[in-house]
Each structure stands twice: as C-alpha cells, then as structure tokens.
Amino acid sequence: MSRLHIIFIILTFIGCEPIQKTPKGDINAFRGTPPKENLTSKTRVLSYETRLDRRETGCLEWKIPPKADLKIIFDAMKAQDPANIQYNFYTFPCRIIGKVRYHGIKYNYELNAGGHVLMQCRDTSIYLGCESTDFEKYFLTIKSSSSDVEVMMDR
C-alpha cells in the first residue's frame, strides 16, 4: 500500500467535519449548524457524567435526566446563537458532561440545568437550547421569554 493510500485512510478517520449527503443527493459541508431536517436517528450519547455544586441549592433540586433520555432531549433542542444562550437562558453550576455522536460527528458536550447544551469538536461549537415546555421536567428552567428578560433587566 502506498503512502498516499495510508495518508488518505488516516485523514478519513480523523476528520471532524465530514461531508454529508442531503436527502436530495446534494453534497453539503456540515459546519457547526445542524441540518434543518429532523435526523433523530443521528444522535447517540456515548458517555455521561454529572457535575453538581452541592453548595448550590438549585443543583440539589435538579432532577437529573437519565442517560437514556438525553438523545430525546438533544433531538428536541433548537440551534441557538451563543448570544441567545447568554441572554435567554439561565446558567447553573449543575451540568452533565460527556461525549455524543451528533449527526455523524463526535462532540464533547456540556448540558446545563438551565436548558441549554454546548457541543464542541476541535474548532466547531454548536449551541442548542430547549424551548419546548414539554421538556421542562428535565431542567431547572428552559428558555426565558422576552418578558422574563425585561423583568430581570429592571432589577
């Protein structure tokens, strides 16, 4: 086997941003924004570890979602701008960390009790947030409404 073949094989297995085919057969590069279509079968939680600050009373109240439910949670979340996470979601010192295969790419993730997750792979970051009240049971809070943010700003 030539050096060129070996290099090609190595690069194929190391790549963080694979080229994916859309349902129409077009080839599009996936660069940090999940595809618009629902690809629920493309999420697989690989590891799961809780990180709680026991001094924080909110963390003690959090009913930590089981690992089996994380796939459903990730699939229900919507892509968010990082600024949207900062202004519309609470961030708690309670989180679940681990690894997930999301749309064919392996990411490190940090799921916060405030209803948002950060997924990172090398120089790619994906921010997802929970906006559905159907998933409130998994978090201390989910996305704040604009009226909640206005009340907080008045304090």
Protein backbone atom coordinates (compact mmCIF):
# COMPACT_ATOMS: atom_id res chain seq x y z
CA MET A 1 0.00 0.00 0.00
CA SER A 2 1.47 3.36 -0.97
CA ARG A 3 2.00 6.29 1.39
CA LEU A 4 -0.76 8.20 -0.38
CA HIS A 5 -3.28 5.45 0.43
CA ILE A 6 -2.21 5.36 4.08
CA ILE A 7 -2.48 9.16 4.41
CA PHE A 8 -5.92 9.12 2.80
CA ILE A 9 -7.14 6.39 5.18
CA ILE A 10 -5.80 8.27 8.23
CA LEU A 11 -7.41 11.54 7.15
CA THR A 12 -10.71 9.78 6.53
CA PHE A 13 -10.88 8.50 10.11
CA ILE A 14 -9.56 11.66 11.81
CA GLY A 15 -11.72 14.27 10.08
CA CYS A 16 -14.04 16.23 12.36
CA GLU A 17 -16.31 17.73 9.71
CA PRO A 18 -17.39 15.06 7.24
CA ILE A 19 -19.21 15.84 4.04
CA GLN A 20 -22.78 14.62 4.21
CA LYS A 21 -25.39 13.97 1.55
CA THR A 22 -28.74 15.66 1.87
CA PRO A 23 -31.94 13.75 1.09
CA LYS A 24 -31.86 15.23 -2.44
CA GLY A 25 -28.42 13.73 -3.03
CA ASP A 26 -26.60 17.07 -2.98
CA ILE A 27 -23.31 17.23 -1.14
CA ASN A 28 -23.14 19.95 1.51
CA ALA A 29 -20.48 20.53 4.12
CA PHE A 30 -21.79 20.41 7.67
CA ARG A 31 -20.02 23.22 9.52
CA GLY A 32 -21.45 23.57 13.02
CA THR A 33 -25.13 24.18 12.25
CA PRO A 34 -27.31 21.11 12.39
CA PRO A 35 -29.28 20.29 9.25
CA LYS A 36 -32.85 21.64 9.18
CA GLU A 37 -34.49 18.25 8.70
CA ASN A 38 -35.20 16.10 11.73
CA LEU A 39 -32.47 13.46 11.94
CA THR A 40 -33.28 11.95 15.31
CA SER A 41 -31.52 8.70 14.47
CA LYS A 42 -28.28 10.65 14.12
CA THR A 43 -27.78 11.25 17.88
CA ARG A 44 -26.07 8.77 20.18
CA VAL A 45 -24.90 9.55 23.71
CA LEU A 46 -21.51 7.92 24.25
CA SER A 47 -20.74 8.97 27.84
CA TYR A 48 -22.48 10.69 30.75
CA GLU A 49 -21.16 12.22 33.98
CA THR A 50 -22.95 14.61 36.33
CA ARG A 51 -21.22 17.67 37.78
CA LEU A 52 -23.12 19.29 40.64
CA ASP A 53 -22.08 22.02 43.03
CA ARG A 54 -23.64 20.68 46.25
CA ARG A 55 -23.36 24.14 47.84
CA GLU A 56 -25.90 25.45 45.34
CA THR A 57 -29.47 24.74 46.42
CA GLY A 58 -30.68 24.79 42.80
CA CYS A 59 -28.44 21.85 41.97
CA LEU A 60 -29.99 19.80 44.76
CA GLU A 61 -33.45 20.48 43.31
CA TRP A 62 -32.49 19.41 39.77
CA LYS A 63 -33.99 16.09 38.75
CA ILE A 64 -31.12 14.94 36.60
CA PRO A 65 -32.34 13.37 33.34
CA PRO A 66 -31.28 9.76 32.86
CA LYS A 67 -28.75 8.98 30.16
CA ALA A 68 -31.42 7.18 28.11
CA ASP A 69 -33.41 10.45 27.81
CA LEU A 70 -30.50 12.60 26.60
CA LYS A 71 -30.95 11.53 22.96
CA ILE A 72 -34.57 12.70 23.04
CA ILE A 73 -33.56 15.95 24.74
CA PHE A 74 -30.78 16.73 22.25
CA ASP A 75 -33.05 15.96 19.30
CA ALA A 76 -35.77 18.29 20.65
CA MET A 77 -33.39 21.23 21.20
CA LYS A 78 -33.03 24.00 18.65
CA ALA A 79 -29.82 25.60 17.36
CA GLN A 80 -29.05 28.86 19.16
CA ASP A 81 -26.71 31.77 18.66
CA PRO A 82 -24.18 31.99 21.55
CA ALA A 83 -25.54 35.46 22.45
CA ASN A 84 -29.04 33.99 22.62
CA ILE A 85 -27.81 31.44 25.17
CA GLN A 86 -26.31 34.22 27.29
CA TYR A 87 -29.39 36.44 27.27
CA ASN A 88 -32.30 33.97 27.12
CA PHE A 89 -31.15 31.02 29.22
CA TYR A 90 -30.06 30.74 32.82
CA THR A 91 -26.73 29.05 33.51
CA PHE A 92 -26.36 26.97 36.67
CA PRO A 93 -23.31 25.28 38.21
CA CYS A 94 -25.13 21.97 37.62
CA ARG A 95 -24.39 20.11 34.44
CA ILE A 96 -23.94 16.79 32.70
CA ILE A 97 -20.81 16.32 30.64
CA GLY A 98 -19.76 13.62 28.23
CA LYS A 99 -19.39 12.65 24.61
CA VAL A 100 -22.10 12.40 21.98
CA ARG A 101 -22.19 11.42 18.32
CA TYR A 102 -24.38 14.13 16.79
CA HIS A 103 -25.19 13.98 13.06
CA GLY A 104 -22.22 11.69 12.49
CA ILE A 105 -19.64 13.78 14.39
CA LYS A 106 -18.25 13.02 17.85
CA TYR A 107 -18.53 16.02 20.22
CA ASN A 108 -17.79 16.75 23.85
CA TYR A 109 -20.96 18.14 25.39
CA GLU A 110 -21.99 20.10 28.47
CA LEU A 111 -25.72 20.03 29.23
CA ASN A 112 -26.65 22.75 31.73
CA ALA A 113 -29.61 22.62 34.13
CA GLY A 114 -30.70 25.91 32.55
CA GLY A 115 -31.94 24.07 29.45
CA HIS A 116 -29.03 24.52 27.07
CA VAL A 117 -26.12 22.48 25.78
CA LEU A 118 -22.73 23.29 24.25
CA MET A 119 -21.18 20.71 21.91
CA GLN A 120 -17.56 21.09 20.86
CA CYS A 121 -15.25 19.30 18.45
CA ARG A 122 -11.91 20.95 17.75
CA ASP A 123 -12.80 24.40 16.39
CA THR A 124 -16.52 23.68 15.93
CA SER A 125 -19.06 24.65 18.59
CA ILE A 126 -22.79 24.01 18.48
CA TYR A 127 -25.17 25.72 20.89
CA LEU A 128 -28.59 24.16 21.42
CA GLY A 129 -31.39 25.33 23.69
CA CYS A 130 -34.64 23.88 24.96
CA GLU A 131 -37.66 25.99 24.00
CA SER A 132 -40.40 23.39 24.44
CA THR A 133 -42.40 23.29 27.66
CA ASP A 134 -42.72 19.53 27.10
CA PHE A 135 -39.12 19.24 28.33
CA GLU A 136 -39.34 21.46 31.42
CA LYS A 137 -39.26 18.35 33.62
CA TYR A 138 -35.61 17.79 32.63
CA PHE A 139 -34.32 21.23 33.68
CA LEU A 140 -34.49 23.82 36.43
CA THR A 141 -35.54 26.35 33.76
CA ILE A 142 -35.82 26.49 29.98
CA LYS A 143 -35.63 29.44 27.57
CA SER A 144 -36.78 32.68 29.18
CA SER A 145 -39.45 34.69 27.43
CA SER A 146 -38.69 38.28 26.47
CA SER A 147 -40.89 39.47 29.37
CA ASP A 148 -38.79 37.43 31.85
CA VAL A 149 -35.63 39.06 30.50
CA GLU A 150 -37.19 42.56 30.79
CA VAL A 151 -38.11 41.91 34.44
CA MET A 152 -34.56 40.77 35.17
CA MET A 153 -33.11 43.87 33.49
CA ASP A 154 -35.30 46.14 35.68
CA ARG A 155 -33.76 44.73 38.89
